[in-house]
Amino acid sequence: MKFVIQIIIHVLALGVGLWVTFKPEKAWKFAHRFTVKDAEPTELAVVLNCICGILIVIATVISGVLLILSHIE
């Protein structure tokens, strides 16, 4: 059961990472929906969101592979 929960968390993290990578403006607006009214993200914020999304995807894939390999042994 623990393994299944970890896989579900990895799939969710991968989804978030892909969303932040491919829709950085929407992700920024979602993150700031209660703190900023009618604001638009700067170019820097969009680029940093893309970079963070890519890092999340890479970390999720690496940890997912390690999780699967540790479960096989």
PDB file of N, CA and C in Angstrom:
ATOM      1  N   MET A   1       0.825  -1.197   0.000  1.00  0.00           N
ATOM      2  CA  MET A   1       0.000   0.000   0.000  1.00  0.00           C
ATOM      3  C   MET A   1       0.870   1.263   0.000  1.00  0.00           C
ATOM      4  N   LYS A   2       1.961   1.227   0.756  1.00  0.00           N
ATOM      5  CA  LYS A   2       2.857   2.377   0.830  1.00  0.00           C
ATOM      6  C   LYS A   2       3.438   2.691  -0.551  1.00  0.00           C
ATOM      7  N   PHE A   3       3.783   1.645  -1.298  1.00  0.00           N
ATOM      8  CA  PHE A   3       4.346   1.817  -2.639  1.00  0.00           C
ATOM      9  C   PHE A   3       3.336   2.484  -3.568  1.00  0.00           C
ATOM     10  N   VAL A   4       2.083   2.093  -3.477  1.00  0.00           N
ATOM     11  CA  VAL A   4       1.034   2.662  -4.327  1.00  0.00           C
ATOM     12  C   VAL A   4       0.853   4.147  -4.024  1.00  0.00           C
ATOM     13  N   ILE A   5       0.861   4.506  -2.752  1.00  0.00           N
ATOM     14  CA  ILE A   5       0.727   5.911  -2.363  1.00  0.00           C
ATOM     15  C   ILE A   5       1.905   6.722  -2.887  1.00  0.00           C
ATOM     16  N   GLN A   6       3.105   6.163  -2.806  1.00  0.00           N
ATOM     17  CA  GLN A   6       4.281   6.861  -3.320  1.00  0.00           C
ATOM     18  C   GLN A   6       4.194   7.057  -4.829  1.00  0.00           C
ATOM     19  N   ILE A   7       3.696   6.073  -5.544  1.00  0.00           N
ATOM     20  CA  ILE A   7       3.527   6.203  -6.990  1.00  0.00           C
ATOM     21  C   ILE A   7       2.496   7.285  -7.309  1.00  0.00           C
ATOM     22  N   ILE A   8       1.399   7.318  -6.559  1.00  0.00           N
ATOM     23  CA  ILE A   8       0.373   8.343  -6.775  1.00  0.00           C
ATOM     24  C   ILE A   8       0.955   9.734  -6.542  1.00  0.00           C
ATOM     25  N   ILE A   9       1.745   9.892  -5.491  1.00  0.00           N
ATOM     26  CA  ILE A   9       2.382  11.179  -5.208  1.00  0.00           C
ATOM     27  C   ILE A   9       3.329  11.569  -6.337  1.00  0.00           C
ATOM     28  N   HIS A  10       4.070  10.599  -6.859  1.00  0.00           N
ATOM     29  CA  HIS A  10       4.978  10.882  -7.971  1.00  0.00           C
ATOM     30  C   HIS A  10       4.210  11.310  -9.225  1.00  0.00           C
ATOM     31  N   VAL A  11       3.112  10.662  -9.498  1.00  0.00           N
ATOM     32  CA  VAL A  11       2.308  11.027 -10.671  1.00  0.00           C
ATOM     33  C   VAL A  11       1.749  12.442 -10.506  1.00  0.00           C
ATOM     34  N   LEU A  12       1.272  12.771  -9.309  1.00  0.00           N
ATOM     35  CA  LEU A  12       0.765  14.121  -9.052  1.00  0.00           C
ATOM     36  C   LEU A  12       1.874  15.162  -9.189  1.00  0.00           C
ATOM     37  N   ALA A  13       3.052  14.868  -8.637  1.00  0.00           N
ATOM     38  CA  ALA A  13       4.184  15.794  -8.749  1.00  0.00           C
ATOM     39  C   ALA A  13       4.604  15.976 -10.199  1.00  0.00           C
ATOM     40  N   LEU A  14       4.578  14.903 -10.962  1.00  0.00           N
ATOM     41  CA  LEU A  14       4.913  14.993 -12.381  1.00  0.00           C
ATOM     42  C   LEU A  14       3.889  15.865 -13.112  1.00  0.00           C
ATOM     43  N   GLY A  15       2.628  15.693 -12.777  1.00  0.00           N
ATOM     44  CA  GLY A  15       1.585  16.526 -13.380  1.00  0.00           C
ATOM     45  C   GLY A  15       1.758  17.998 -13.051  1.00  0.00           C
ATOM     46  N   VAL A  16       2.073  18.295 -11.801  1.00  0.00           N
ATOM     47  CA  VAL A  16       2.308  19.687 -11.400  1.00  0.00           C
ATOM     48  C   VAL A  16       3.519  20.253 -12.131  1.00  0.00           C
ATOM     49  N   GLY A  17       4.587  19.471 -12.205  1.00  0.00           N
ATOM     50  CA  GLY A  17       5.783  19.929 -12.902  1.00  0.00           C
ATOM     51  C   GLY A  17       5.527  20.218 -14.366  1.00  0.00           C
ATOM     52  N   LEU A  18       4.780  19.353 -15.020  1.00  0.00           N
ATOM     53  CA  LEU A  18       4.455  19.571 -16.431  1.00  0.00           C
ATOM     54  C   LEU A  18       3.547  20.786 -16.606  1.00  0.00           C
ATOM     55  N   TRP A  19       2.598  20.955 -15.692  1.00  0.00           N
ATOM     56  CA  TRP A  19       1.696  22.106 -15.756  1.00  0.00           C
ATOM     57  C   TRP A  19       2.467  23.410 -15.592  1.00  0.00           C
ATOM     58  N   VAL A  20       3.364  23.449 -14.601  1.00  0.00           N
ATOM     59  CA  VAL A  20       4.157  24.656 -14.363  1.00  0.00           C
ATOM     60  C   VAL A  20       5.091  24.923 -15.542  1.00  0.00           C
ATOM     61  N   THR A  21       5.596  23.872 -16.173  1.00  0.00           N
ATOM     62  CA  THR A  21       6.502  24.044 -17.308  1.00  0.00           C
ATOM     63  C   THR A  21       5.770  24.575 -18.536  1.00  0.00           C
ATOM     64  N   PHE A  22       4.617  24.022 -18.847  1.00  0.00           N
ATOM     65  CA  PHE A  22       3.932  24.381 -20.084  1.00  0.00           C
ATOM     66  C   PHE A  22       2.883  25.485 -19.932  1.00  0.00           C
ATOM     67  N   LYS A  23       2.451  25.768 -18.730  1.00  0.00           N
ATOM     68  CA  LYS A  23       1.487  26.848 -18.477  1.00  0.00           C
ATOM     69  C   LYS A  23       1.989  27.724 -17.323  1.00  0.00           C
ATOM     70  N   PRO A  24       3.162  28.349 -17.467  1.00  0.00           N
ATOM     71  CA  PRO A  24       3.745  29.086 -16.339  1.00  0.00           C
ATOM     72  C   PRO A  24       2.922  30.297 -15.910  1.00  0.00           C
ATOM     73  N   GLU A  25       2.268  30.967 -16.847  1.00  0.00           N
ATOM     74  CA  GLU A  25       1.460  32.129 -16.474  1.00  0.00           C
ATOM     75  C   GLU A  25       0.249  31.717 -15.640  1.00  0.00           C
ATOM     76  N   LYS A  26      -0.417  30.635 -16.040  1.00  0.00           N
ATOM     77  CA  LYS A  26      -1.569  30.157 -15.265  1.00  0.00           C
ATOM     78  C   LYS A  26      -1.129  29.667 -13.886  1.00  0.00           C
ATOM     79  N   ALA A  27       0.041  29.013 -13.831  1.00  0.00           N
ATOM     80  CA  ALA A  27       0.554  28.547 -12.545  1.00  0.00           C
ATOM     81  C   ALA A  27       0.870  29.728 -11.634  1.00  0.00           C
ATOM     82  N   TRP A  28       1.439  30.797 -12.204  1.00  0.00           N
ATOM     83  CA  TRP A  28       1.747  31.988 -11.411  1.00  0.00           C
ATOM     84  C   TRP A  28       0.458  32.614 -10.888  1.00  0.00           C
ATOM     85  N   LYS A  29      -0.534  32.737 -11.758  1.00  0.00           N
ATOM     86  CA  LYS A  29      -1.810  33.326 -11.335  1.00  0.00           C
ATOM     87  C   LYS A  29      -2.488  32.469 -10.269  1.00  0.00           C
ATOM     88  N   PHE A  30      -2.382  31.146 -10.399  1.00  0.00           N
ATOM     89  CA  PHE A  30      -2.961  30.259  -9.393  1.00  0.00           C
ATOM     90  C   PHE A  30      -2.256  30.435  -8.050  1.00  0.00           C
ATOM     91  N   ALA A  31      -0.934  30.548  -8.076  1.00  0.00           N
ATOM     92  CA  ALA A  31      -0.166  30.690  -6.836  1.00  0.00           C
ATOM     93  C   ALA A  31      -0.410  32.036  -6.161  1.00  0.00           C
ATOM     94  N   HIS A  32      -0.744  33.055  -6.928  1.00  0.00           N
ATOM     95  CA  HIS A  32      -0.915  34.396  -6.372  1.00  0.00           C
ATOM     96  C   HIS A  32      -2.363  34.876  -6.395  1.00  0.00           C
ATOM     97  N   ARG A  33      -3.301  33.973  -6.503  1.00  0.00           N
ATOM     98  CA  ARG A  33      -4.706  34.352  -6.676  1.00  0.00           C
ATOM     99  C   ARG A  33      -5.284  35.099  -5.481  1.00  0.00           C
ATOM    100  N   PHE A  34      -4.768  34.886  -4.268  1.00  0.00           N
ATOM    101  CA  PHE A  34      -5.321  35.558  -3.093  1.00  0.00           C
ATOM    102  C   PHE A  34      -4.496  36.761  -2.657  1.00  0.00           C
ATOM    103  N   THR A  35      -3.316  36.953  -3.245  1.00  0.00           N
ATOM    104  CA  THR A  35      -2.445  38.031  -2.784  1.00  0.00           C
ATOM    105  C   THR A  35      -2.370  39.210  -3.748  1.00  0.00           C
ATOM    106  N   VAL A  36      -2.635  38.992  -5.017  1.00  0.00           N
ATOM    107  CA  VAL A  36      -2.514  40.055  -6.014  1.00  0.00           C
ATOM    108  C   VAL A  36      -3.796  40.099  -6.838  1.00  0.00           C
ATOM    109  N   LYS A  37      -4.339  41.301  -7.004  1.00  0.00           N
ATOM    110  CA  LYS A  37      -5.570  41.429  -7.786  1.00  0.00           C
ATOM    111  C   LYS A  37      -5.244  41.998  -9.163  1.00  0.00           C
ATOM    112  N   ASP A  38      -5.706  41.322 -10.194  1.00  0.00           N
ATOM    113  CA  ASP A  38      -5.544  41.753 -11.587  1.00  0.00           C
ATOM    114  C   ASP A  38      -4.094  42.025 -11.974  1.00  0.00           C
ATOM    115  N   ALA A  39      -3.178  41.251 -11.456  1.00  0.00           N
ATOM    116  CA  ALA A  39      -1.765  41.432 -11.792  1.00  0.00           C
ATOM    117  C   ALA A  39      -1.345  40.423 -12.853  1.00  0.00           C
ATOM    118  N   GLU A  40      -0.311  40.754 -13.572  1.00  0.00           N
ATOM    119  CA  GLU A  40       0.256  39.870 -14.587  1.00  0.00           C
ATOM    120  C   GLU A  40       1.687  39.525 -14.178  1.00  0.00           C
ATOM    121  N   PRO A  41       2.119  38.300 -14.436  1.00  0.00           N
ATOM    122  CA  PRO A  41       3.489  37.928 -14.088  1.00  0.00           C
ATOM    123  C   PRO A  41       4.500  38.622 -14.999  1.00  0.00           C
ATOM    124  N   THR A  42       5.672  38.892 -14.458  1.00  0.00           N
ATOM    125  CA  THR A  42       6.742  39.475 -15.264  1.00  0.00           C
ATOM    126  C   THR A  42       7.384  38.383 -16.109  1.00  0.00           C
ATOM    127  N   GLU A  43       8.206  38.798 -17.060  1.00  0.00           N
ATOM    128  CA  GLU A  43       8.932  37.823 -17.887  1.00  0.00           C
ATOM    129  C   GLU A  43       9.804  36.936 -17.012  1.00  0.00           C
ATOM    130  N   LEU A  44      10.449  37.538 -16.010  1.00  0.00           N
ATOM    131  CA  LEU A  44      11.307  36.774 -15.108  1.00  0.00           C
ATOM    132  C   LEU A  44      10.508  35.719 -14.354  1.00  0.00           C
ATOM    133  N   ALA A  45       9.322  36.081 -13.892  1.00  0.00           N
ATOM    134  CA  ALA A  45       8.489  35.123 -13.166  1.00  0.00           C
ATOM    135  C   ALA A  45       8.094  33.953 -14.052  1.00  0.00           C
ATOM    136  N   VAL A  46       7.791  34.233 -15.299  1.00  0.00           N
ATOM    137  CA  VAL A  46       7.410  33.169 -16.235  1.00  0.00           C
ATOM    138  C   VAL A  46       8.595  32.242 -16.493  1.00  0.00           C
ATOM    139  N   VAL A  47       9.772  32.827 -16.720  1.00  0.00           N
ATOM    140  CA  VAL A  47      10.973  32.017 -16.976  1.00  0.00           C
ATOM    141  C   VAL A  47      11.325  31.180 -15.753  1.00  0.00           C
ATOM    142  N   LEU A  48      11.265  31.782 -14.576  1.00  0.00           N
ATOM    143  CA  LEU A  48      11.576  31.031 -13.356  1.00  0.00           C
ATOM    144  C   LEU A  48      10.562  29.920 -13.112  1.00  0.00           C
ATOM    145  N   ASN A  49       9.306  30.150 -13.439  1.00  0.00           N
ATOM    146  CA  ASN A  49       8.303  29.086 -13.328  1.00  0.00           C
ATOM    147  C   ASN A  49       8.637  27.931 -14.255  1.00  0.00           C
ATOM    148  N   CYS A  50       9.050  28.245 -15.476  1.00  0.00           N
ATOM    149  CA  CYS A  50       9.439  27.184 -16.423  1.00  0.00           C
ATOM    150  C   CYS A  50      10.623  26.391 -15.891  1.00  0.00           C
ATOM    151  N   ILE A  51      11.621  27.096 -15.376  1.00  0.00           N
ATOM    152  CA  ILE A  51      12.808  26.418 -14.840  1.00  0.00           C
ATOM    153  C   ILE A  51      12.432  25.533 -13.660  1.00  0.00           C
ATOM    154  N   CYS A  52      11.613  26.055 -12.762  1.00  0.00           N
ATOM    155  CA  CYS A  52      11.187  25.251 -11.605  1.00  0.00           C
ATOM    156  C   CYS A  52      10.364  24.043 -12.045  1.00  0.00           C
ATOM    157  N   GLY A  53       9.522  24.215 -13.028  1.00  0.00           N
ATOM    158  CA  GLY A  53       8.742  23.092 -13.547  1.00  0.00           C
ATOM    159  C   GLY A  53       9.628  22.008 -14.120  1.00  0.00           C
ATOM    160  N   ILE A  54      10.652  22.409 -14.866  1.00  0.00           N
ATOM    161  CA  ILE A  54      11.594  21.438 -15.432  1.00  0.00           C
ATOM    162  C   ILE A  54      12.333  20.706 -14.321  1.00  0.00           C
ATOM    163  N   LEU A  55      12.758  21.445 -13.291  1.00  0.00           N
ATOM    164  CA  LEU A  55      13.455  20.808 -12.165  1.00  0.00           C
ATOM    165  C   LEU A  55      12.541  19.832 -11.421  1.00  0.00           C
ATOM    166  N   ILE A  56      11.277  20.187 -11.271  1.00  0.00           N
ATOM    167  CA  ILE A  56      10.321  19.284 -10.619  1.00  0.00           C
ATOM    168  C   ILE A  56      10.162  18.006 -11.437  1.00  0.00           C
ATOM    169  N   VAL A  57      10.043  18.145 -12.750  1.00  0.00           N
ATOM    170  CA  VAL A  57       9.894  16.969 -13.616  1.00  0.00           C
ATOM    171  C   VAL A  57      11.129  16.082 -13.520  1.00  0.00           C
ATOM    172  N   ILE A  58      12.318  16.675 -13.600  1.00  0.00           N
ATOM    173  CA  ILE A  58      13.558  15.893 -13.526  1.00  0.00           C
ATOM    174  C   ILE A  58      13.667  15.173 -12.189  1.00  0.00           C
ATOM    175  N   ALA A  59      13.417  15.896 -11.091  1.00  0.00           N
ATOM    176  CA  ALA A  59      13.512  15.282  -9.765  1.00  0.00           C
ATOM    177  C   ALA A  59      12.479  14.173  -9.586  1.00  0.00           C
ATOM    178  N   THR A  60      11.282  14.378 -10.105  1.00  0.00           N
ATOM    179  CA  THR A  60      10.235  13.367  -9.984  1.00  0.00           C
ATOM    180  C   THR A  60      10.573  12.113 -10.774  1.00  0.00           C
ATOM    181  N   VAL A  61      11.092  12.291 -11.974  1.00  0.00           N
ATOM    182  CA  VAL A  61      11.455  11.128 -12.792  1.00  0.00           C
ATOM    183  C   VAL A  61      12.594  10.356 -12.132  1.00  0.00           C
ATOM    184  N   ILE A  62      13.615  11.058 -11.662  1.00  0.00           N
ATOM    185  CA  ILE A  62      14.747  10.380 -11.017  1.00  0.00           C
ATOM    186  C   ILE A  62      14.294   9.647  -9.763  1.00  0.00           C
ATOM    187  N   SER A  63      13.528  10.326  -8.902  1.00  0.00           N
ATOM    188  CA  SER A  63      13.090   9.666  -7.673  1.00  0.00           C
ATOM    189  C   SER A  63      12.108   8.530  -7.967  1.00  0.00           C
ATOM    190  N   GLY A  64      11.306   8.675  -9.016  1.00  0.00           N
ATOM    191  CA  GLY A  64      10.394   7.594  -9.396  1.00  0.00           C
ATOM    192  C   GLY A  64      11.131   6.362  -9.875  1.00  0.00           C
ATOM    193  N   VAL A  65      12.166   6.572 -10.682  1.00  0.00           N
ATOM    194  CA  VAL A  65      12.980   5.440 -11.145  1.00  0.00           C
ATOM    195  C   VAL A  65      13.664   4.768  -9.964  1.00  0.00           C
ATOM    196  N   LEU A  66      14.224   5.565  -9.063  1.00  0.00           N
ATOM    197  CA  LEU A  66      14.872   4.987  -7.880  1.00  0.00           C
ATOM    198  C   LEU A  66      13.871   4.246  -7.001  1.00  0.00           C
ATOM    199  N   LEU A  67      12.668   4.773  -6.879  1.00  0.00           N
ATOM    200  CA  LEU A  67      11.629   4.105  -6.099  1.00  0.00           C
ATOM    201  C   LEU A  67      11.275   2.753  -6.705  1.00  0.00           C
ATOM    202  N   ILE A  68      11.100   2.724  -8.010  1.00  0.00           N
ATOM    203  CA  ILE A  68      10.760   1.464  -8.680  1.00  0.00           C
ATOM    204  C   ILE A  68      11.907   0.471  -8.576  1.00  0.00           C
ATOM    205  N   LEU A  69      13.141   0.936  -8.774  1.00  0.00           N
ATOM    206  CA  LEU A  69      14.297   0.042  -8.670  1.00  0.00           C
ATOM    207  C   LEU A  69      14.464  -0.503  -7.255  1.00  0.00           C
ATOM    208  N   SER A  70      14.207   0.315  -6.247  1.00  0.00           N
ATOM    209  CA  SER A  70      14.331  -0.170  -4.868  1.00  0.00           C
ATOM    210  C   SER A  70      13.217  -1.157  -4.525  1.00  0.00           C
ATOM    211  N   HIS A  71      12.080  -1.025  -5.171  1.00  0.00           N
ATOM    212  CA  HIS A  71      10.971  -1.943  -4.909  1.00  0.00           C
ATOM    213  C   HIS A  71      11.192  -3.294  -5.589  1.00  0.00           C
ATOM    214  N   ILE A  72      11.905  -3.294  -6.704  1.00  0.00           N
ATOM    215  CA  ILE A  72      12.162  -4.533  -7.442  1.00  0.00           C
ATOM    216  C   ILE A  72      13.103  -5.442  -6.666  1.00  0.00           C
ATOM    217  N   GLU A  73      14.087  -4.855  -6.007  1.00  0.00           N
ATOM    218  CA  GLU A  73      15.101  -5.665  -5.306  1.00  0.00           C
ATOM    219  C   GLU A  73      14.576  -6.379  -4.119  1.00  0.00           C
TER     220      GLU A  73
END
